[in-house]
All heavy atoms as atom14 arrays in JSON, in Angstrom:
{
  "sequence": "RAETARLAISAGAHIVNDVFGLQREPDIADIAAVTGAGLCIMHTG",
  "atom14_mask": [
    [1, 1, 1, 1, 1, 1, 1, 1, 1, 1, 1, 0, 0, 0],
    [1, 1, 1, 1, 1, 0, 0, 0, 0, 0, 0, 0, 0, 0],
    [1, 1, 1, 1, 1, 1, 1, 1, 1, 0, 0, 0, 0, 0],
    [1, 1, 1, 1, 1, 1, 1, 0, 0, 0, 0, 0, 0, 0],
    [1, 1, 1, 1, 1, 0, 0, 0, 0, 0, 0, 0, 0, 0],
    [1, 1, 1, 1, 1, 1, 1, 1, 1, 1, 1, 0, 0, 0],
    [1, 1, 1, 1, 1, 1, 1, 1, 0, 0, 0, 0, 0, 0],
    [1, 1, 1, 1, 1, 0, 0, 0, 0, 0, 0, 0, 0, 0],
    [1, 1, 1, 1, 1, 1, 1, 1, 0, 0, 0, 0, 0, 0],
    [1, 1, 1, 1, 1, 1, 0, 0, 0, 0, 0, 0, 0, 0],
    [1, 1, 1, 1, 1, 0, 0, 0, 0, 0, 0, 0, 0, 0],
    [1, 1, 1, 1, 0, 0, 0, 0, 0, 0, 0, 0, 0, 0],
    [1, 1, 1, 1, 1, 0, 0, 0, 0, 0, 0, 0, 0, 0],
    [1, 1, 1, 1, 1, 1, 1, 1, 1, 1, 0, 0, 0, 0],
    [1, 1, 1, 1, 1, 1, 1, 1, 0, 0, 0, 0, 0, 0],
    [1, 1, 1, 1, 1, 1, 1, 0, 0, 0, 0, 0, 0, 0],
    [1, 1, 1, 1, 1, 1, 1, 1, 0, 0, 0, 0, 0, 0],
    [1, 1, 1, 1, 1, 1, 1, 1, 0, 0, 0, 0, 0, 0],
    [1, 1, 1, 1, 1, 1, 1, 0, 0, 0, 0, 0, 0, 0],
    [1, 1, 1, 1, 1, 1, 1, 1, 1, 1, 1, 0, 0, 0],
    [1, 1, 1, 1, 0, 0, 0, 0, 0, 0, 0, 0, 0, 0],
    [1, 1, 1, 1, 1, 1, 1, 1, 0, 0, 0, 0, 0, 0],
    [1, 1, 1, 1, 1, 1, 1, 1, 1, 0, 0, 0, 0, 0],
    [1, 1, 1, 1, 1, 1, 1, 1, 1, 1, 1, 0, 0, 0],
    [1, 1, 1, 1, 1, 1, 1, 1, 1, 0, 0, 0, 0, 0],
    [1, 1, 1, 1, 1, 1, 1, 0, 0, 0, 0, 0, 0, 0],
    [1, 1, 1, 1, 1, 1, 1, 1, 0, 0, 0, 0, 0, 0],
    [1, 1, 1, 1, 1, 1, 1, 1, 0, 0, 0, 0, 0, 0],
    [1, 1, 1, 1, 1, 0, 0, 0, 0, 0, 0, 0, 0, 0],
    [1, 1, 1, 1, 1, 1, 1, 1, 0, 0, 0, 0, 0, 0],
    [1, 1, 1, 1, 1, 1, 1, 1, 0, 0, 0, 0, 0, 0],
    [1, 1, 1, 1, 1, 0, 0, 0, 0, 0, 0, 0, 0, 0],
    [1, 1, 1, 1, 1, 0, 0, 0, 0, 0, 0, 0, 0, 0],
    [1, 1, 1, 1, 1, 1, 1, 0, 0, 0, 0, 0, 0, 0],
    [1, 1, 1, 1, 1, 1, 1, 0, 0, 0, 0, 0, 0, 0],
    [1, 1, 1, 1, 0, 0, 0, 0, 0, 0, 0, 0, 0, 0],
    [1, 1, 1, 1, 1, 0, 0, 0, 0, 0, 0, 0, 0, 0],
    [1, 1, 1, 1, 0, 0, 0, 0, 0, 0, 0, 0, 0, 0],
    [1, 1, 1, 1, 1, 1, 1, 1, 0, 0, 0, 0, 0, 0],
    [1, 1, 1, 1, 1, 1, 0, 0, 0, 0, 0, 0, 0, 0],
    [1, 1, 1, 1, 1, 1, 1, 1, 0, 0, 0, 0, 0, 0],
    [1, 1, 1, 1, 1, 1, 1, 1, 0, 0, 0, 0, 0, 0],
    [1, 1, 1, 1, 1, 1, 1, 1, 1, 1, 0, 0, 0, 0],
    [1, 1, 1, 1, 1, 1, 1, 0, 0, 0, 0, 0, 0, 0],
    [1, 1, 1, 1, 0, 0, 0, 0, 0, 0, 0, 0, 0, 0]
  ],
  "atom14_positions": [
    [[0.84, -1.2, 0.0], [0.0, 0.0, 0.0], [0.88, 1.25, 0.0], [1.74, 1.43, 0.87], [-0.91, 0.02, 1.22], [-1.97, -1.08, 1.23], [-2.92, -0.88, 2.38], [-4.01, -1.83, 2.35], [-4.03, -2.97, 3.04], [-3.0, -3.28, 3.83], [-5.07, -3.78, 2.97], [0.0, 0.0, 0.0], [0.0, 0.0, 0.0], [0.0, 0.0, 0.0]],
    [[0.61, 2.14, -0.95], [1.43, 3.34, -1.08], [1.33, 4.23, 0.15], [2.34, 4.78, 0.61], [1.01, 4.11, -2.33], [0.0, 0.0, 0.0], [0.0, 0.0, 0.0], [0.0, 0.0, 0.0], [0.0, 0.0, 0.0], [0.0, 0.0, 0.0], [0.0, 0.0, 0.0], [0.0, 0.0, 0.0], [0.0, 0.0, 0.0], [0.0, 0.0, 0.0]],
    [[0.14, 4.4, 0.71], [0.01, 5.29, 1.86], [0.73, 4.73, 3.08], [1.38, 5.47, 3.83], [-1.46, 5.55, 2.17], [-1.71, 6.49, 3.36], [-1.17, 7.91, 3.14], [-0.72, 8.24, 2.04], [-1.24, 8.69, 4.12], [0.0, 0.0, 0.0], [0.0, 0.0, 0.0], [0.0, 0.0, 0.0], [0.0, 0.0, 0.0], [0.0, 0.0, 0.0]],
    [[0.63, 3.42, 3.28], [1.39, 2.82, 4.39], [2.89, 3.01, 4.18], [3.62, 3.31, 5.13], [1.05, 1.32, 4.51], [-0.35, 1.17, 4.76], [1.82, 0.67, 5.64], [0.0, 0.0, 0.0], [0.0, 0.0, 0.0], [0.0, 0.0, 0.0], [0.0, 0.0, 0.0], [0.0, 0.0, 0.0], [0.0, 0.0, 0.0], [0.0, 0.0, 0.0]],
    [[3.34, 2.84, 2.96], [4.75, 3.04, 2.66], [5.18, 4.46, 2.97], [6.23, 4.7, 3.59], [5.04, 2.71, 1.19], [0.0, 0.0, 0.0], [0.0, 0.0, 0.0], [0.0, 0.0, 0.0], [0.0, 0.0, 0.0], [0.0, 0.0, 0.0], [0.0, 0.0, 0.0], [0.0, 0.0, 0.0], [0.0, 0.0, 0.0], [0.0, 0.0, 0.0]],
    [[4.37, 5.43, 2.56], [4.71, 6.84, 2.79], [4.81, 7.13, 4.29], [5.77, 7.76, 4.76], [3.65, 7.74, 2.16], [3.99, 9.23, 2.26], [2.85, 10.09, 1.75], [1.69, 10.03, 2.61], [1.56, 10.7, 3.75], [2.55, 11.5, 4.17], [0.48, 10.6, 4.49], [0.0, 0.0, 0.0], [0.0, 0.0, 0.0], [0.0, 0.0, 0.0]],
    [[3.82, 6.67, 5.05], [3.82, 6.93, 6.49], [4.97, 6.2, 7.18], [5.57, 6.72, 8.13], [2.48, 6.51, 7.08], [1.29, 7.35, 6.66], [-0.02, 6.71, 7.13], [1.39, 8.77, 7.2], [0.0, 0.0, 0.0], [0.0, 0.0, 0.0], [0.0, 0.0, 0.0], [0.0, 0.0, 0.0], [0.0, 0.0, 0.0], [0.0, 0.0, 0.0]],
    [[5.27, 4.99, 6.73], [6.36, 4.23, 7.33], [7.7, 4.89, 7.1], [8.55, 4.95, 8.01], [6.37, 2.8, 6.78], [0.0, 0.0, 0.0], [0.0, 0.0, 0.0], [0.0, 0.0, 0.0], [0.0, 0.0, 0.0], [0.0, 0.0, 0.0], [0.0, 0.0, 0.0], [0.0, 0.0, 0.0], [0.0, 0.0, 0.0], [0.0, 0.0, 0.0]],
    [[7.92, 5.4, 5.91], [9.18, 6.12, 5.63], [9.27, 7.36, 6.51], [10.33, 7.65, 7.09], [9.27, 6.47, 4.14], [9.37, 5.2, 3.3], [10.47, 7.38, 3.88], [9.13, 5.41, 1.83], [0.0, 0.0, 0.0], [0.0, 0.0, 0.0], [0.0, 0.0, 0.0], [0.0, 0.0, 0.0], [0.0, 0.0, 0.0], [0.0, 0.0, 0.0]],
    [[8.17, 8.08, 6.65], [8.17, 9.26, 7.54], [8.48, 8.87, 8.98], [9.12, 9.63, 9.72], [6.81, 9.96, 7.48], [6.58, 10.5, 6.2], [0.0, 0.0, 0.0], [0.0, 0.0, 0.0], [0.0, 0.0, 0.0], [0.0, 0.0, 0.0], [0.0, 0.0, 0.0], [0.0, 0.0, 0.0], [0.0, 0.0, 0.0], [0.0, 0.0, 0.0]],
    [[8.02, 7.67, 9.37], [8.26, 7.2, 10.75], [9.69, 6.7, 10.95], [10.13, 6.53, 12.09], [7.27, 6.08, 11.1], [0.0, 0.0, 0.0], [0.0, 0.0, 0.0], [0.0, 0.0, 0.0], [0.0, 0.0, 0.0], [0.0, 0.0, 0.0], [0.0, 0.0, 0.0], [0.0, 0.0, 0.0], [0.0, 0.0, 0.0], [0.0, 0.0, 0.0]],
    [[10.43, 6.46, 9.86], [11.81, 6.04, 10.01], [12.23, 4.87, 9.15], [13.41, 4.48, 9.16], [0.0, 0.0, 0.0], [0.0, 0.0, 0.0], [0.0, 0.0, 0.0], [0.0, 0.0, 0.0], [0.0, 0.0, 0.0], [0.0, 0.0, 0.0], [0.0, 0.0, 0.0], [0.0, 0.0, 0.0], [0.0, 0.0, 0.0], [0.0, 0.0, 0.0]],
    [[11.33, 4.28, 8.37], [11.7, 3.14, 7.52], [12.61, 3.59, 6.39], [12.47, 4.69, 5.85], [10.46, 2.47, 6.96], [0.0, 0.0, 0.0], [0.0, 0.0, 0.0], [0.0, 0.0, 0.0], [0.0, 0.0, 0.0], [0.0, 0.0, 0.0], [0.0, 0.0, 0.0], [0.0, 0.0, 0.0], [0.0, 0.0, 0.0], [0.0, 0.0, 0.0]],
    [[13.52, 2.71, 6.03], [14.5, 2.98, 4.97], [14.18, 2.28, 3.65], [14.69, 2.66, 2.6], [15.89, 2.5, 5.41], [16.34, 3.04, 6.73], [16.07, 2.4, 7.93], [17.02, 4.17, 7.06], [16.58, 3.1, 8.92], [17.15, 4.18, 8.42], [0.0, 0.0, 0.0], [0.0, 0.0, 0.0], [0.0, 0.0, 0.0], [0.0, 0.0, 0.0]],
    [[13.36, 1.22, 3.73], [13.13, 0.33, 2.6], [11.65, -0.01, 2.54], [10.99, -0.17, 3.58], [13.93, -0.99, 2.78], [15.45, -0.71, 2.79], [13.59, -2.01, 1.7], [16.27, -1.84, 3.38], [0.0, 0.0, 0.0], [0.0, 0.0, 0.0], [0.0, 0.0, 0.0], [0.0, 0.0, 0.0], [0.0, 0.0, 0.0], [0.0, 0.0, 0.0]],
    [[11.13, -0.13, 1.32], [9.77, -0.65, 1.1], [9.89, -2.01, 0.44], [10.51, -2.14, -0.63], [8.91, 0.29, 0.24], [7.5, -0.28, 0.07], [8.85, 1.68, 0.85], [0.0, 0.0, 0.0], [0.0, 0.0, 0.0], [0.0, 0.0, 0.0], [0.0, 0.0, 0.0], [0.0, 0.0, 0.0], [0.0, 0.0, 0.0], [0.0, 0.0, 0.0]],
    [[9.28, -3.01, 1.05], [9.3, -4.38, 0.55], [7.9, -4.69, 0.04], [6.98, -4.93, 0.81], [9.7, -5.32, 1.69], [9.71, -6.78, 1.26], [9.77, -7.1, 0.07], [9.65, -7.67, 2.24], [0.0, 0.0, 0.0], [0.0, 0.0, 0.0], [0.0, 0.0, 0.0], [0.0, 0.0, 0.0], [0.0, 0.0, 0.0], [0.0, 0.0, 0.0]],
    [[7.73, -4.68, -1.29], [6.41, -4.78, -1.91], [6.23, -6.15, -2.54], [6.84, -6.47, -3.57], [6.26, -3.68, -2.97], [4.89, -3.68, -3.63], [4.06, -4.56, -3.32], [4.65, -2.81, -4.48], [0.0, 0.0, 0.0], [0.0, 0.0, 0.0], [0.0, 0.0, 0.0], [0.0, 0.0, 0.0], [0.0, 0.0, 0.0], [0.0, 0.0, 0.0]],
    [[5.34, -6.97, -1.96], [5.14, -8.33, -2.44], [4.36, -8.38, -3.74], [4.23, -9.46, -4.35], [4.44, -9.21, -1.38], [5.29, -9.31, -0.12], [3.04, -8.72, -1.07], [0.0, 0.0, 0.0], [0.0, 0.0, 0.0], [0.0, 0.0, 0.0], [0.0, 0.0, 0.0], [0.0, 0.0, 0.0], [0.0, 0.0, 0.0], [0.0, 0.0, 0.0]],
    [[3.85, -7.26, -4.21], [3.21, -7.21, -5.52], [4.06, -6.46, -6.54], [3.6, -6.11, -7.62], [1.82, -6.58, -5.44], [0.76, -7.53, -4.91], [0.41, -7.52, -3.58], [0.16, -8.45, -5.75], [-0.55, -8.39, -3.08], [-0.8, -9.33, -5.27], [-1.15, -9.31, -3.93], [0.0, 0.0, 0.0], [0.0, 0.0, 0.0], [0.0, 0.0, 0.0]],
    [[5.33, -6.23, -6.21], [6.28, -5.71, -7.18], [5.88, -4.42, -7.86], [6.1, -4.25, -9.07], [0.0, 0.0, 0.0], [0.0, 0.0, 0.0], [0.0, 0.0, 0.0], [0.0, 0.0, 0.0], [0.0, 0.0, 0.0], [0.0, 0.0, 0.0], [0.0, 0.0, 0.0], [0.0, 0.0, 0.0], [0.0, 0.0, 0.0], [0.0, 0.0, 0.0]],
    [[5.24, -3.51, -7.11], [4.8, -2.2, -7.6], [3.58, -2.27, -8.52], [3.14, -1.25, -9.04], [5.92, -1.46, -8.36], [7.27, -1.33, -7.66], [8.26, -0.59, -8.57], [7.15, -0.62, -6.32], [0.0, 0.0, 0.0], [0.0, 0.0, 0.0], [0.0, 0.0, 0.0], [0.0, 0.0, 0.0], [0.0, 0.0, 0.0], [0.0, 0.0, 0.0]],
    [[3.03, -3.47, -8.69], [1.96, -3.62, -9.67], [0.56, -3.62, -9.05], [-0.42, -3.6, -9.8], [2.2, -4.89, -10.5], [3.48, -4.79, -11.33], [3.68, -5.95, -12.27], [2.73, -6.46, -12.87], [4.94, -6.38, -12.42], [0.0, 0.0, 0.0], [0.0, 0.0, 0.0], [0.0, 0.0, 0.0], [0.0, 0.0, 0.0], [0.0, 0.0, 0.0]],
    [[0.46, -3.59, -7.74], [-0.84, -3.41, -7.1], [-1.12, -1.92, -6.9], [-2.19, -1.43, -7.24], [-0.88, -4.16, -5.75], [-2.14, -3.95, -4.92], [-3.37, -4.57, -5.54], [-3.37, -6.02, -5.49], [-3.84, -6.73, -4.45], [-4.33, -6.12, -3.38], [-3.83, -8.05, -4.49], [0.0, 0.0, 0.0], [0.0, 0.0, 0.0], [0.0, 0.0, 0.0]],
    [[-0.14, -1.23, -6.34], [-0.25, 0.23, -6.15], [1.06, 0.87, -6.64], [2.0, 1.07, -5.88], [-0.52, 0.59, -4.68], [-1.88, 0.1, -4.2], [-2.34, 0.75, -2.9], [-1.75, 1.76, -2.49], [-3.3, 0.23, -2.3], [0.0, 0.0, 0.0], [0.0, 0.0, 0.0], [0.0, 0.0, 0.0], [0.0, 0.0, 0.0], [0.0, 0.0, 0.0]],
    [[1.11, 1.2, -7.94], [2.34, 1.73, -8.52], [2.81, 3.03, -7.89], [3.99, 3.4, -8.07], [1.96, 1.94, -10.0], [0.85, 0.98, -10.25], [0.08, 0.93, -8.96], [0.0, 0.0, 0.0], [0.0, 0.0, 0.0], [0.0, 0.0, 0.0], [0.0, 0.0, 0.0], [0.0, 0.0, 0.0], [0.0, 0.0, 0.0], [0.0, 0.0, 0.0]],
    [[1.96, 3.74, -7.14], [2.38, 4.98, -6.49], [3.52, 4.74, -5.51], [4.21, 5.7, -5.13], [1.21, 5.63, -5.77], [0.2, 6.27, -6.72], [0.52, 6.37, -7.91], [-0.88, 6.68, -6.26], [0.0, 0.0, 0.0], [0.0, 0.0, 0.0], [0.0, 0.0, 0.0], [0.0, 0.0, 0.0], [0.0, 0.0, 0.0], [0.0, 0.0, 0.0]],
    [[3.72, 3.51, -5.09], [4.87, 3.2, -4.22], [6.16, 3.63, -4.9], [7.1, 4.13, -4.26], [4.9, 1.71, -3.85], [3.82, 1.4, -2.8], [6.28, 1.31, -3.3], [3.77, -0.03, -2.36], [0.0, 0.0, 0.0], [0.0, 0.0, 0.0], [0.0, 0.0, 0.0], [0.0, 0.0, 0.0], [0.0, 0.0, 0.0], [0.0, 0.0, 0.0]],
    [[6.24, 3.45, -6.22], [7.45, 3.85, -6.93], [7.65, 5.36, -6.86], [8.78, 5.83, -6.7], [7.36, 3.39, -8.39], [0.0, 0.0, 0.0], [0.0, 0.0, 0.0], [0.0, 0.0, 0.0], [0.0, 0.0, 0.0], [0.0, 0.0, 0.0], [0.0, 0.0, 0.0], [0.0, 0.0, 0.0], [0.0, 0.0, 0.0], [0.0, 0.0, 0.0]],
    [[6.57, 6.11, -6.98], [6.68, 7.58, -6.87], [7.19, 7.98, -5.49], [8.04, 8.87, -5.36], [5.32, 8.23, -7.13], [4.82, 8.04, -8.54], [5.67, 7.92, -9.45], [3.59, 8.02, -8.73], [0.0, 0.0, 0.0], [0.0, 0.0, 0.0], [0.0, 0.0, 0.0], [0.0, 0.0, 0.0], [0.0, 0.0, 0.0], [0.0, 0.0, 0.0]],
    [[6.67, 7.31, -4.46], [7.08, 7.62, -3.09], [8.57, 7.28, -2.89], [9.32, 8.06, -2.29], [6.19, 6.85, -2.09], [4.77, 7.42, -2.13], [6.77, 6.91, -0.68], [3.74, 6.54, -1.48], [0.0, 0.0, 0.0], [0.0, 0.0, 0.0], [0.0, 0.0, 0.0], [0.0, 0.0, 0.0], [0.0, 0.0, 0.0], [0.0, 0.0, 0.0]],
    [[8.99, 6.14, -3.42], [10.4, 5.77, -3.31], [11.3, 6.77, -4.03], [12.37, 7.14, -3.53], [10.62, 4.36, -3.86], [0.0, 0.0, 0.0], [0.0, 0.0, 0.0], [0.0, 0.0, 0.0], [0.0, 0.0, 0.0], [0.0, 0.0, 0.0], [0.0, 0.0, 0.0], [0.0, 0.0, 0.0], [0.0, 0.0, 0.0], [0.0, 0.0, 0.0]],
    [[10.86, 7.22, -5.19], [11.66, 8.18, -5.95], [11.81, 9.49, -5.21], [12.9, 10.08, -5.16], [11.01, 8.42, -7.33], [0.0, 0.0, 0.0], [0.0, 0.0, 0.0], [0.0, 0.0, 0.0], [0.0, 0.0, 0.0], [0.0, 0.0, 0.0], [0.0, 0.0, 0.0], [0.0, 0.0, 0.0], [0.0, 0.0, 0.0], [0.0, 0.0, 0.0]],
    [[10.74, 9.97, -4.6], [10.77, 11.26, -3.9], [11.56, 11.17, -2.6], [12.32, 12.08, -2.25], [9.32, 11.74, -3.62], [9.33, 12.92, -2.66], [8.62, 12.11, -4.92], [0.0, 0.0, 0.0], [0.0, 0.0, 0.0], [0.0, 0.0, 0.0], [0.0, 0.0, 0.0], [0.0, 0.0, 0.0], [0.0, 0.0, 0.0], [0.0, 0.0, 0.0]],
    [[11.42, 10.06, -1.87], [12.04, 9.93, -0.56], [13.44, 9.32, -0.6], [14.18, 9.41, 0.37], [11.17, 9.07, 0.37], [11.09, 7.73, -0.18], [9.79, 9.66, 0.53], [0.0, 0.0, 0.0], [0.0, 0.0, 0.0], [0.0, 0.0, 0.0], [0.0, 0.0, 0.0], [0.0, 0.0, 0.0], [0.0, 0.0, 0.0], [0.0, 0.0, 0.0]],
    [[13.76, 8.65, -1.71], [15.04, 7.95, -1.78], [15.04, 6.62, -1.08], [16.1, 6.02, -0.86], [0.0, 0.0, 0.0], [0.0, 0.0, 0.0], [0.0, 0.0, 0.0], [0.0, 0.0, 0.0], [0.0, 0.0, 0.0], [0.0, 0.0, 0.0], [0.0, 0.0, 0.0], [0.0, 0.0, 0.0], [0.0, 0.0, 0.0], [0.0, 0.0, 0.0]],
    [[13.86, 6.1, -0.73], [13.79, 4.8, -0.06], [14.29, 3.68, -0.96], [14.17, 3.75, -2.19], [12.36, 4.51, 0.37], [0.0, 0.0, 0.0], [0.0, 0.0, 0.0], [0.0, 0.0, 0.0], [0.0, 0.0, 0.0], [0.0, 0.0, 0.0], [0.0, 0.0, 0.0], [0.0, 0.0, 0.0], [0.0, 0.0, 0.0], [0.0, 0.0, 0.0]],
    [[14.84, 2.64, -0.34], [15.16, 1.44, -1.08], [13.9, 0.67, -1.41], [12.87, 0.82, -0.75], [0.0, 0.0, 0.0], [0.0, 0.0, 0.0], [0.0, 0.0, 0.0], [0.0, 0.0, 0.0], [0.0, 0.0, 0.0], [0.0, 0.0, 0.0], [0.0, 0.0, 0.0], [0.0, 0.0, 0.0], [0.0, 0.0, 0.0], [0.0, 0.0, 0.0]],
    [[13.99, -0.17, -2.44], [12.85, -0.98, -2.86], [13.24, -2.44, -2.96], [14.25, -2.78, -3.61], [12.33, -0.53, -4.22], [11.41, 0.68, -4.32], [11.05, 0.93, -5.78], [10.14, 0.46, -3.51], [0.0, 0.0, 0.0], [0.0, 0.0, 0.0], [0.0, 0.0, 0.0], [0.0, 0.0, 0.0], [0.0, 0.0, 0.0], [0.0, 0.0, 0.0]],
    [[12.44, -3.31, -2.36], [12.48, -4.73, -2.66], [11.3, -4.99, -3.58], [10.14, -4.86, -3.15], [12.34, -5.58, -1.41], [13.72, -5.5, -0.28], [0.0, 0.0, 0.0], [0.0, 0.0, 0.0], [0.0, 0.0, 0.0], [0.0, 0.0, 0.0], [0.0, 0.0, 0.0], [0.0, 0.0, 0.0], [0.0, 0.0, 0.0], [0.0, 0.0, 0.0]],
    [[11.57, -5.36, -4.8], [10.53, -5.63, -5.79], [10.39, -7.14, -5.91], [11.31, -7.82, -6.37], [10.88, -5.01, -7.15], [10.91, -3.49, -7.05], [9.91, -5.46, -8.21], [11.34, -2.79, -8.33], [0.0, 0.0, 0.0], [0.0, 0.0, 0.0], [0.0, 0.0, 0.0], [0.0, 0.0, 0.0], [0.0, 0.0, 0.0], [0.0, 0.0, 0.0]],
    [[9.24, -7.67, -5.47], [9.04, -9.11, -5.45], [8.17, -9.57, -6.61], [7.19, -8.91, -6.95], [8.41, -9.56, -4.13], [8.56, -11.06, -3.88], [7.52, -11.68, -2.55], [5.97, -11.89, -3.44], [0.0, 0.0, 0.0], [0.0, 0.0, 0.0], [0.0, 0.0, 0.0], [0.0, 0.0, 0.0], [0.0, 0.0, 0.0], [0.0, 0.0, 0.0]],
    [[8.51, -10.71, -7.17], [7.71, -11.39, -8.18], [6.58, -12.13, -7.48], [6.76, -12.73, -6.43], [8.57, -12.38, -8.95], [7.83, -13.28, -9.88], [7.11, -14.39, -9.44], [7.68, -13.24, -11.22], [6.56, -14.99, -10.47], [6.9, -14.32, -11.57], [0.0, 0.0, 0.0], [0.0, 0.0, 0.0], [0.0, 0.0, 0.0], [0.0, 0.0, 0.0]],
    [[5.42, -12.1, -8.07], [4.31, -12.93, -7.61], [3.53, -13.45, -8.79], [3.47, -12.81, -9.84], [3.38, -12.14, -6.65], [2.38, -13.04, -6.14], [2.69, -10.98, -7.36], [0.0, 0.0, 0.0], [0.0, 0.0, 0.0], [0.0, 0.0, 0.0], [0.0, 0.0, 0.0], [0.0, 0.0, 0.0], [0.0, 0.0, 0.0], [0.0, 0.0, 0.0]],
    [[2.92, -14.61, -8.59], [2.03, -15.15, -9.61], [0.58, -14.98, -9.24], [-0.3, -15.46, -9.96], [0.0, 0.0, 0.0], [0.0, 0.0, 0.0], [0.0, 0.0, 0.0], [0.0, 0.0, 0.0], [0.0, 0.0, 0.0], [0.0, 0.0, 0.0], [0.0, 0.0, 0.0], [0.0, 0.0, 0.0], [0.0, 0.0, 0.0], [0.0, 0.0, 0.0]]
  ]
}
C-alpha cells in the first residue's frame, strides 16, 4: 500500500518491501523516488 509506505518512511523506515512488485499500487514507486527509499521488488504469480 502506497500510503502505508509513505507513512512508514516518515516514521523512520528505509526500505519498502512490496510483495506485488509495484503492480498493485504503482504509487509506491513515486514515493520511493521522492524519498530515496530502497525498494524490494518481489515477483508474484
